[in-house]
Protein backbone atom coordinates (compact mmCIF):
# COMPACT_ATOMS: atom_id res chain seq x y z
CA MET A 1 -91.06 42.03 -21.19
CA THR A 2 -91.88 38.43 -20.33
CA LYS A 3 -89.26 36.12 -18.94
CA PHE A 4 -87.98 33.38 -21.24
CA GLN A 5 -88.93 29.92 -20.11
CA PHE A 6 -87.77 26.85 -22.02
CA ARG A 7 -90.54 24.29 -22.13
CA LEU A 8 -88.12 21.36 -22.27
CA GLU A 9 -86.02 22.44 -19.26
CA SER A 10 -86.91 19.30 -17.31
CA LEU A 11 -85.75 17.19 -20.27
CA VAL A 12 -82.47 19.13 -20.36
CA LYS A 13 -81.95 18.40 -16.66
CA MET A 14 -82.71 14.71 -17.19
CA ARG A 15 -80.25 14.52 -20.08
CA GLU A 16 -77.58 16.33 -18.07
CA ALA A 17 -78.09 13.89 -15.19
CA ASP A 18 -77.82 11.01 -17.65
CA ARG A 19 -74.60 12.48 -19.06
CA GLN A 20 -73.18 12.83 -15.55
CA GLN A 21 -74.10 9.21 -14.81
CA ARG A 22 -72.30 8.10 -17.99
CA ARG A 23 -69.22 10.07 -16.91
CA LEU A 24 -69.23 8.32 -13.54
CA GLU A 25 -69.60 4.92 -15.19
CA LEU A 26 -66.68 5.64 -17.50
CA ALA A 27 -64.57 6.79 -14.55
CA GLU A 28 -65.39 3.53 -12.75
CA ALA A 29 -64.27 1.53 -15.77
CA PHE A 30 -61.00 3.47 -15.92
CA HIS A 31 -60.50 2.84 -12.21
CA ALA A 32 -61.09 -0.89 -12.69
CA GLU A 33 -58.59 -0.88 -15.55
CA SER A 34 -56.05 0.85 -13.33
CA ILE A 35 -56.51 -1.73 -10.59
CA LEU A 36 -56.07 -4.59 -13.07
CA ARG A 37 -52.88 -3.04 -14.41
CA GLN A 38 -51.51 -2.68 -10.89
CA GLN A 39 -52.35 -6.32 -10.16
CA ALA A 40 -50.68 -7.43 -13.41
CA ALA A 41 -47.57 -5.43 -12.57
CA GLN A 42 -47.47 -6.95 -9.09
CA LEU A 43 -47.86 -10.47 -10.52
CA LYS A 44 -45.04 -9.88 -12.98
CA GLN A 45 -42.86 -8.67 -10.13
CA ASP A 46 -43.76 -11.80 -8.14
CA ILE A 47 -42.88 -13.98 -11.15
CA LEU A 48 -39.46 -12.32 -11.40
CA GLU A 49 -38.94 -12.93 -7.70
CA MET A 50 -39.90 -16.61 -8.08
CA GLU A 51 -37.45 -16.95 -10.97
CA LYS A 52 -34.69 -15.53 -8.77
CA ARG A 53 -35.62 -18.01 -6.02
CA SER A 54 -35.58 -20.85 -8.54
CA ARG A 55 -32.06 -19.91 -9.57
CA VAL A 56 -30.93 -19.77 -5.93
CA ILE A 57 -32.61 -23.09 -5.09
CA GLY A 58 -31.21 -24.73 -8.24
CA SER A 59 -27.68 -23.45 -7.70
CA PRO A 60 -24.86 -25.98 -7.35
CA GLY A 61 -24.80 -27.77 -4.11
CA GLN A 62 -27.55 -29.49 -2.25
CA VAL A 63 -30.80 -29.34 -4.30
CA GLN A 64 -34.10 -29.13 -2.46
CA VAL A 65 -36.40 -30.80 -4.98
CA ASP A 66 -39.66 -30.24 -3.09
CA ARG A 67 -38.90 -26.56 -2.62
CA MET A 68 -37.94 -26.25 -6.28
CA LEU A 69 -41.20 -27.91 -7.38
CA ASP A 70 -43.23 -25.68 -5.06
CA THR A 71 -41.54 -22.57 -6.46
CA HIS A 72 -42.15 -23.75 -10.01
CA ARG A 73 -45.83 -24.51 -9.30
CA TYR A 74 -46.29 -21.12 -7.68
CA LYS A 75 -44.66 -19.43 -10.67
CA LEU A 76 -47.02 -21.31 -13.02
CA MET A 77 -49.99 -20.22 -10.91
CA LEU A 78 -48.82 -16.60 -11.09
CA LYS A 79 -48.49 -16.84 -14.89
CA ALA A 80 -52.03 -18.25 -15.09
CA GLN A 81 -53.26 -15.29 -13.05
CA VAL A 82 -51.47 -12.92 -15.47
CA VAL A 83 -53.37 -14.56 -18.34
CA VAL A 84 -56.69 -14.20 -16.47
CA ILE A 85 -55.95 -10.54 -15.76
CA GLY A 86 -55.11 -10.05 -19.44
CA GLN A 87 -58.52 -11.45 -20.35
CA LYS A 88 -60.19 -9.19 -17.79
CA GLU A 89 -58.30 -6.20 -19.23
CA ALA A 90 -59.62 -7.05 -22.70
CA THR A 91 -63.15 -7.20 -21.29
CA ILE A 92 -62.62 -3.90 -19.49
CA GLN A 93 -61.35 -2.29 -22.71
CA THR A 94 -64.54 -3.37 -24.48
CA GLU A 95 -66.61 -1.98 -21.62
CA ILE A 96 -64.65 1.28 -21.64
CA GLU A 97 -65.31 1.70 -25.33
CA ARG A 98 -69.02 0.98 -24.82
CA ARG A 99 -69.19 3.52 -22.01
CA ARG A 100 -67.30 6.10 -24.08
CA THR A 101 -69.85 5.68 -26.84
CA ALA A 102 -72.71 6.04 -24.36
CA LEU A 103 -71.12 9.19 -22.93
CA ALA A 104 -70.66 10.65 -26.42
CA ALA A 105 -74.33 9.98 -27.21
CA ALA A 106 -75.47 11.53 -23.92
CA ASP A 107 -73.25 14.56 -24.52
CA ARG A 108 -74.64 14.93 -28.03
CA ASP A 109 -78.21 14.79 -26.67
CA VAL A 110 -77.46 17.56 -24.18
CA ARG A 111 -75.79 19.74 -26.84
CA VAL A 112 -78.79 19.36 -29.17
CA LEU A 113 -81.15 20.50 -26.43
CA GLU A 114 -78.85 23.38 -25.47
CA LYS A 115 -78.77 24.57 -29.09
CA LEU A 116 -82.56 24.32 -29.26
CA LYS A 117 -82.84 26.26 -26.01
CA GLU A 118 -80.55 28.99 -27.31
CA ARG A 119 -82.47 29.23 -30.58
CA LYS A 120 -85.78 29.47 -28.69
CA ARG A 121 -84.26 32.14 -26.42
CA GLU A 122 -83.25 34.16 -29.48
CA GLU A 123 -86.71 33.71 -31.02
CA HIS A 124 -88.27 34.85 -27.75
CA ALA A 125 -86.03 37.93 -27.63
CA ALA A 126 -86.86 38.77 -31.26
CA ALA A 127 -90.59 38.36 -30.59
CA GLU A 128 -90.32 40.56 -27.50
CA LEU A 129 -88.44 43.20 -29.46
CA LYS A 130 -91.06 43.10 -32.19
CA ARG A 131 -93.89 43.37 -29.64
CA ASP A 132 -92.19 46.28 -27.88
CA SER A 133 -91.59 47.98 -31.21
CA LYS A 134 -95.23 47.53 -32.15
CA GLN A 135 -96.36 49.03 -28.82
CA LEU A 136 -94.04 52.01 -29.29
CA ASP A 137 -95.41 52.50 -32.80
CA GLU A 138 -98.95 52.43 -31.42
CA PHE A 139 -98.09 54.96 -28.72
CA ALA A 140 -96.38 57.19 -31.26
CA GLY A 141 -99.41 56.93 -33.56
CA GLN A 142 -101.79 57.78 -30.74
CA ARG A 143 -99.67 60.74 -29.70
CA TRP A 144 -99.40 61.99 -33.25
CA SER A 145 -103.17 61.65 -33.57
CA ARG A 146 -103.70 63.61 -30.31
CA ASP A 147 -101.21 66.25 -31.35
CA ARG A 148 -103.06 66.73 -34.69
CA LYS A 149 -106.38 67.07 -32.88
CA ASP A 150 -104.91 69.68 -30.54
CA GLN A 151 -103.76 71.85 -33.45
């Protein structure tokens, strides 16, 4: 019985490597999204802290105008950074979706080749079985012919 060898095995390995690369790229995009969310959360926390400081600075009594303006400017800068991060998150979401689609396509390519490989393996096994059966029939025919001659 001959060993089954899939002719497209190198293509299967290339497609599996491509699929693995797509998985890594998607994981990187998710990691970048996570980092952006952490930064946004930190900025929001900083904004809340600046608002508390503004209330303390603006409380009744002696008002420190320069300090109040600095706090307000810093708060505005933080809000601008939140907007920028929001835009980056939207871009990342688009990239994540693109990478998900690429991963799905790579996965589909691998599955198609695996199904083809399995079908070829089954065809090979059926052909081997048929060949073995034919050989056994030939041996049986030869033996029957010898046995008839001997009688």
